[in-house]
Amino acid sequence: LINHTSYADGFLFSALAPQRVIARARTLMKSSFFNTPVMGRVFALLGHMPVYFVKEADNSSFSVDRDKQAKVTEEMRSHLSK
């Protein structure tokens, strides 16, 4: 499990990690990214997982929608336990 500090982290990880690690790698990303044409489908096919945030009027909160996120959390735990 890796947290990133810049946009380059994903590229560096992909370039430096062994192929067997890359094949099992998954990321958590904002759920709206899955709605983008083409790339949203690619993200889903690669097994990446959405993070569902609570929508707030002023967009000042990064609160996660716990009900929607529960299923994703189980999927991630299952993936990590393999």
Protein backbone atom coordinates (compact mmCIF):
# COMPACT_ATOMS: atom_id res chain seq x y z
CA LEU A 1 0.00 0.00 0.00
CA ILE A 2 1.60 3.24 -1.15
CA ASN A 3 0.53 6.86 -0.77
CA HIS A 4 1.82 9.30 -3.37
CA THR A 5 3.39 12.71 -2.96
CA SER A 6 3.39 13.88 -6.59
CA TYR A 7 1.99 13.04 -10.01
CA ALA A 8 5.32 11.40 -10.92
CA ASP A 9 5.00 8.68 -8.26
CA GLY A 10 2.80 6.42 -10.36
CA PHE A 11 5.16 6.64 -13.31
CA LEU A 12 8.22 6.01 -11.12
CA PHE A 13 6.55 3.05 -9.46
CA SER A 14 5.63 1.58 -12.85
CA ALA A 15 9.16 2.05 -14.17
CA LEU A 16 10.99 0.68 -11.13
CA ALA A 17 8.79 -2.08 -9.74
CA PRO A 18 9.15 -5.69 -10.92
CA GLN A 19 6.54 -6.85 -13.48
CA ARG A 20 4.96 -9.31 -10.99
CA VAL A 21 4.28 -6.38 -8.64
CA ILE A 22 2.87 -4.19 -11.42
CA ALA A 23 0.46 -6.94 -12.47
CA ARG A 24 -1.09 -7.02 -8.98
CA ALA A 25 -1.01 -3.26 -8.32
CA ARG A 26 -4.31 -1.48 -7.77
CA THR A 27 -5.06 2.12 -6.85
CA LEU A 28 -7.83 3.92 -5.07
CA MET A 29 -9.02 6.98 -6.97
CA LYS A 30 -11.83 9.51 -6.85
CA SER A 31 -15.00 7.84 -8.14
CA SER A 32 -15.67 10.55 -10.75
CA PHE A 33 -12.52 9.45 -12.65
CA PHE A 34 -14.42 6.28 -13.57
CA ASN A 35 -16.96 8.42 -15.46
CA THR A 36 -14.43 9.79 -17.94
CA PRO A 37 -14.68 8.46 -21.49
CA VAL A 38 -12.23 5.67 -22.34
CA MET A 39 -9.95 6.06 -19.31
CA GLY A 40 -12.77 5.34 -16.85
CA ARG A 41 -13.30 1.99 -18.52
CA VAL A 42 -9.54 1.32 -18.58
CA PHE A 43 -9.29 2.06 -14.83
CA ALA A 44 -12.12 -0.40 -14.12
CA LEU A 45 -10.66 -3.11 -16.36
CA LEU A 46 -7.28 -2.81 -14.64
CA GLY A 47 -8.97 -3.36 -11.28
CA HIS A 48 -8.54 0.08 -9.79
CA MET A 49 -11.11 1.00 -7.14
CA PRO A 50 -13.21 4.12 -6.54
CA VAL A 51 -13.28 6.32 -3.45
CA TYR A 52 -16.73 7.81 -2.89
CA PHE A 53 -16.66 11.24 -1.25
CA VAL A 54 -19.62 12.96 0.40
CA LYS A 55 -20.76 15.85 -1.74
CA GLU A 56 -20.76 19.11 0.18
CA ALA A 57 -21.96 22.46 -1.13
CA ASP A 58 -18.67 24.25 -0.47
CA ASN A 59 -16.37 21.31 -1.42
CA SER A 60 -14.35 21.93 1.75
CA SER A 61 -14.62 18.38 3.06
CA PHE A 62 -12.88 15.19 2.07
CA SER A 63 -15.32 13.02 3.98
CA VAL A 64 -15.83 9.55 2.57
CA ASP A 65 -19.32 8.18 2.00
CA ARG A 66 -19.00 5.23 4.39
CA ASP A 67 -22.00 3.34 3.03
CA LYS A 68 -20.81 3.38 -0.57
CA GLN A 69 -17.19 2.82 0.41
CA ALA A 70 -17.89 -0.32 2.51
CA LYS A 71 -18.04 -2.62 -0.54
CA VAL A 72 -14.85 -1.14 -2.01
CA THR A 73 -13.08 -1.60 1.32
CA GLU A 74 -14.00 -5.29 1.31
CA GLU A 75 -12.74 -5.67 -2.27
CA MET A 76 -9.45 -4.03 -1.32
CA ARG A 77 -9.04 -6.23 1.76
CA SER A 78 -9.71 -9.31 -0.35
CA HIS A 79 -7.12 -8.23 -2.90
CA LEU A 80 -4.51 -7.53 -0.21
CA SER A 81 -5.06 -10.88 1.48
CA LYS A 82 -4.15 -12.87 -1.67
